[in-house]
N, C-alpha and C. Protein backbone atom coordinates (compact mmCIF):
# COMPACT_ATOMS: atom_id res chain seq x y z
N MET A 1 -0.39 25.19 0.43
CA MET A 1 0.47 24.21 1.44
C MET A 1 1.22 23.70 0.86
N ASN A 2 2.20 23.65 0.89
CA ASN A 2 3.42 22.38 0.50
C ASN A 2 3.15 21.06 1.21
N VAL A 3 2.89 20.31 1.12
CA VAL A 3 2.96 19.23 2.16
C VAL A 3 4.00 17.68 2.10
N ARG A 4 4.87 18.01 0.85
CA ARG A 4 6.00 17.01 0.64
C ARG A 4 6.88 17.89 1.04
N SER A 5 8.07 16.55 1.86
CA SER A 5 9.33 17.28 1.98
C SER A 5 10.26 17.35 0.66
N LYS A 6 11.08 18.48 0.44
CA LYS A 6 11.95 18.91 -0.33
C LYS A 6 13.00 17.93 -0.45
N GLU A 7 13.66 17.43 0.72
CA GLU A 7 14.55 16.79 0.47
C GLU A 7 14.77 14.93 0.17
N SER A 8 13.19 14.46 0.80
CA SER A 8 13.20 12.93 0.25
C SER A 8 11.72 13.02 -0.78
N GLY A 9 11.01 13.64 -0.85
CA GLY A 9 9.86 13.56 -1.85
C GLY A 9 8.72 12.97 -0.91
N LYS A 10 8.54 12.87 0.20
CA LYS A 10 7.94 11.97 0.77
C LYS A 10 7.25 13.00 1.39
N LEU A 11 5.51 12.49 1.67
CA LEU A 11 4.68 13.51 2.24
C LEU A 11 4.97 13.84 4.01
N ALA A 12 4.97 15.41 4.40
CA ALA A 12 4.91 15.76 5.90
C ALA A 12 3.83 15.20 6.08
N TRP A 13 3.97 14.03 6.44
CA TRP A 13 2.46 13.91 7.45
C TRP A 13 2.01 14.82 8.61
N LEU A 14 3.43 15.27 9.40
CA LEU A 14 2.97 15.65 10.15
C LEU A 14 2.73 17.45 10.13
N ARG A 15 2.88 17.86 9.21
CA ARG A 15 2.76 19.25 8.69
C ARG A 15 1.28 19.07 7.85
N MET A 16 0.69 18.31 7.38
CA MET A 16 -0.71 18.09 6.79
C MET A 16 -1.89 18.64 7.71
N PRO A 17 -2.62 19.17 7.22
CA PRO A 17 -4.01 19.37 8.07
C PRO A 17 -4.41 18.10 8.35
N GLU A 18 -5.28 18.06 9.63
CA GLU A 18 -6.06 16.95 9.68
C GLU A 18 -6.77 16.49 9.10
N SER A 19 -8.04 17.45 8.49
CA SER A 19 -8.86 16.85 7.02
C SER A 19 -7.83 16.74 5.93
N ALA A 20 -6.93 17.34 5.51
CA ALA A 20 -6.16 16.57 4.38
C ALA A 20 -5.49 15.27 4.67
N ARG A 21 -5.28 15.00 5.81
CA ARG A 21 -4.85 13.45 6.37
C ARG A 21 -5.51 12.76 6.23
N PHE A 22 -7.02 13.04 7.04
CA PHE A 22 -8.56 11.93 7.09
C PHE A 22 -8.74 11.69 5.63
N LYS A 23 -9.13 12.62 4.93
CA LYS A 23 -9.08 12.60 3.23
C LYS A 23 -7.90 11.96 2.66
N LEU A 24 -6.32 11.82 2.91
CA LEU A 24 -6.01 10.70 2.39
C LEU A 24 -5.86 9.44 2.33
N VAL A 25 -5.99 9.18 3.93
CA VAL A 25 -5.92 7.83 4.17
C VAL A 25 -7.35 7.46 3.87
N LYS A 26 -8.37 8.09 3.58
CA LYS A 26 -9.81 7.59 3.17
C LYS A 26 -9.30 6.73 1.54
N GLN A 27 -8.95 7.59 0.88
CA GLN A 27 -8.30 7.49 -0.32
C GLN A 27 -7.78 6.29 -0.42
N ILE A 28 -6.87 6.41 0.42
CA ILE A 28 -5.53 4.89 0.12
C ILE A 28 -6.58 3.64 0.60
N LYS A 29 -6.96 3.64 1.54
CA LYS A 29 -8.36 2.54 2.17
C LYS A 29 -8.87 2.21 0.42
N GLU A 30 -9.82 3.27 0.07
CA GLU A 30 -10.48 2.36 -1.06
C GLU A 30 -9.71 1.96 -1.83
N LYS A 31 -8.28 2.14 -2.11
CA LYS A 31 -7.82 1.91 -3.40
C LYS A 31 -7.29 0.61 -2.83
N LEU A 32 -6.81 0.30 -1.72
CA LEU A 32 -6.64 -0.84 -1.25
C LEU A 32 -7.92 -1.85 -1.06
N ARG A 33 -8.79 -1.14 -1.06
CA ARG A 33 -10.29 -2.60 -0.66
C ARG A 33 -10.56 -2.40 -2.44
N GLN A 34 -10.29 -1.76 -3.64
CA GLN A 34 -10.62 -2.22 -4.85
C GLN A 34 -9.24 -3.25 -5.05
N ARG A 35 -8.31 -2.66 -5.24
CA ARG A 35 -7.41 -3.99 -5.66
C ARG A 35 -7.20 -5.10 -4.67
N THR A 36 -7.63 -5.36 -3.20
CA THR A 36 -8.00 -6.20 -2.83
C THR A 36 -9.26 -7.19 -3.49
N LEU A 37 -10.32 -6.68 -3.81
CA LEU A 37 -11.44 -7.14 -4.28
C LEU A 37 -11.27 -7.47 -5.77
N GLU A 38 -10.40 -6.60 -6.59
CA GLU A 38 -9.89 -7.07 -7.85
C GLU A 38 -9.35 -8.10 -8.18
N ALA A 39 -8.28 -8.76 -6.89
CA ALA A 39 -7.24 -9.96 -6.66
C ALA A 39 -8.16 -11.36 -6.14
N LYS A 40 -9.07 -10.70 -5.97
CA LYS A 40 -10.21 -11.82 -5.30
C LYS A 40 -10.87 -12.61 -6.17
N VAL A 41 -11.40 -11.49 -7.37
CA VAL A 41 -12.17 -11.86 -8.50
C VAL A 41 -11.67 -12.79 -9.19
N TRP A 42 -10.11 -12.18 -9.67
CA TRP A 42 -8.99 -12.67 -10.96
C TRP A 42 -8.77 -14.33 -9.85
N ARG A 43 -8.53 -14.15 -8.68
CA ARG A 43 -8.34 -15.74 -8.33
C ARG A 43 -9.68 -16.86 -8.27
N GLU A 44 -10.62 -16.39 -8.51
CA GLU A 44 -11.86 -16.62 -8.59
C GLU A 44 -12.36 -17.00 -10.06
N LEU A 45 -12.07 -15.83 -10.72
CA LEU A 45 -12.02 -16.55 -12.60
C LEU A 45 -10.85 -17.58 -13.07
N LEU A 46 -9.76 -17.34 -12.54
CA LEU A 46 -8.78 -18.08 -12.94
C LEU A 46 -9.03 -19.63 -12.38
N GLN A 47 -9.80 -19.97 -11.68
CA GLN A 47 -10.48 -21.46 -11.42
C GLN A 47 -11.82 -22.03 -11.96
N VAL A 48 -12.08 -21.27 -12.62
CA VAL A 48 -13.18 -21.52 -13.38
C VAL A 48 -12.92 -22.39 -14.78
N ASP A 49 -13.91 -23.15 -14.84
CA ASP A 49 -13.77 -23.68 -16.34
C ASP A 49 -14.12 -23.43 -17.62
N ASP A 50 -15.18 -22.87 -17.41
CA ASP A 50 -16.14 -22.51 -18.64
C ASP A 50 -16.91 -20.72 -18.12
N LEU A 51 -16.65 -19.72 -18.43
CA LEU A 51 -17.04 -18.78 -18.19
C LEU A 51 -18.11 -17.91 -19.12
N THR A 52 -19.23 -17.48 -18.93
CA THR A 52 -20.06 -16.88 -20.16
C THR A 52 -20.85 -15.71 -19.20
N ILE A 53 -20.75 -14.68 -20.00
CA ILE A 53 -21.39 -13.61 -19.52
C ILE A 53 -22.27 -12.98 -20.38
N ASN A 54 -23.51 -13.04 -19.71
CA ASN A 54 -24.43 -12.63 -20.42
C ASN A 54 -24.79 -13.11 -21.49
N GLY A 55 -24.76 -14.42 -21.83
CA GLY A 55 -25.16 -15.59 -22.90
C GLY A 55 -23.93 -15.95 -23.55
N THR A 56 -22.95 -14.86 -23.44
CA THR A 56 -21.63 -15.15 -24.60
C THR A 56 -20.47 -15.66 -23.96
N VAL A 57 -20.07 -16.93 -24.36
CA VAL A 57 -18.76 -17.73 -23.98
C VAL A 57 -17.55 -16.78 -24.01
N VAL A 58 -17.42 -16.40 -23.16
CA VAL A 58 -15.97 -15.43 -22.99
C VAL A 58 -14.38 -16.47 -22.73
N TRP A 59 -14.89 -18.28 -21.80
CA TRP A 59 -13.13 -18.77 -21.98
C TRP A 59 -14.27 -20.16 -21.74
N LYS A 60 -13.67 -21.10 -21.95
CA LYS A 60 -13.93 -22.65 -21.97
C LYS A 60 -12.57 -23.59 -21.87
N GLU A 61 -12.71 -23.91 -20.72
CA GLU A 61 -11.25 -24.64 -20.37
C GLU A 61 -10.89 -25.91 -22.00
N ASN A 62 -9.75 -26.13 -22.43
CA ASN A 62 -9.22 -26.28 -23.47
C ASN A 62 -9.30 -26.05 -24.61
N GLN A 63 -9.91 -24.86 -24.56
CA GLN A 63 -10.11 -24.34 -25.85
C GLN A 63 -9.14 -23.04 -26.17
N GLN A 64 -8.16 -22.42 -26.95
CA GLN A 64 -7.73 -21.29 -26.97
C GLN A 64 -8.70 -20.16 -27.09
N PRO A 65 -8.58 -18.85 -26.49
CA PRO A 65 -9.36 -17.61 -26.46
C PRO A 65 -9.12 -17.24 -28.19
N SER A 66 -10.10 -16.41 -28.51
CA SER A 66 -10.20 -16.38 -30.17
C SER A 66 -10.45 -15.04 -29.73
N ARG A 67 -9.51 -13.72 -30.82
CA ARG A 67 -9.47 -12.47 -30.63
C ARG A 67 -11.07 -11.65 -30.36
N SER A 68 -11.91 -12.19 -31.08
CA SER A 68 -13.56 -12.11 -31.07
C SER A 68 -13.86 -12.15 -29.61
N SER A 69 -13.35 -13.41 -28.93
CA SER A 69 -14.17 -13.41 -27.85
C SER A 69 -13.67 -12.90 -26.47
N THR A 70 -12.70 -12.43 -26.70
CA THR A 70 -11.35 -11.17 -25.61
C THR A 70 -11.77 -9.92 -25.45
N ARG A 71 -12.24 -9.45 -27.34
CA ARG A 71 -12.65 -7.90 -27.47
C ARG A 71 -13.47 -7.74 -27.25
N TYR A 72 -14.14 -6.49 -26.52
CA TYR A 72 -15.27 -5.77 -26.58
C TYR A 72 -15.83 -5.44 -28.06
N LYS A 73 -17.03 -5.69 -28.46
CA LYS A 73 -17.27 -5.33 -29.80
C LYS A 73 -18.37 -3.90 -29.80
N LYS A 74 -17.99 -3.00 -30.18
CA LYS A 74 -18.88 -1.72 -30.54
C LYS A 74 -20.06 -2.00 -31.02
N ARG A 75 -20.91 -1.45 -30.66
CA ARG A 75 -22.57 -1.20 -30.94
C ARG A 75 -22.84 -0.27 -31.88
N ARG A 76 -23.19 -0.35 -32.92
CA ARG A 76 -23.59 0.48 -34.12
C ARG A 76 -24.84 0.93 -33.54
C-alpha cells in the first residue's frame, strides 16, 4: 500500500492503517527521545573541566586535544 501522496511527497496519514501509524509514531518518539538525551549529554560534557573515561584522560581544560586522545585505538 502506497501511503505517500504523489503530489507533495508527504505521508498520507489518513490512508495509513492504524497499526502503521502507531508504529511510525513510536519510531518518531524514540528518535526524538534519543536526540534529546544526546543534546543533554553534550551540554553536560561541554561544561566539564576534565573528562576521564575508563582511566584515560579525554579532555583537559586549557590543553589542546591530541589526535591520539580523540581517536579510538583498535585492540590487536
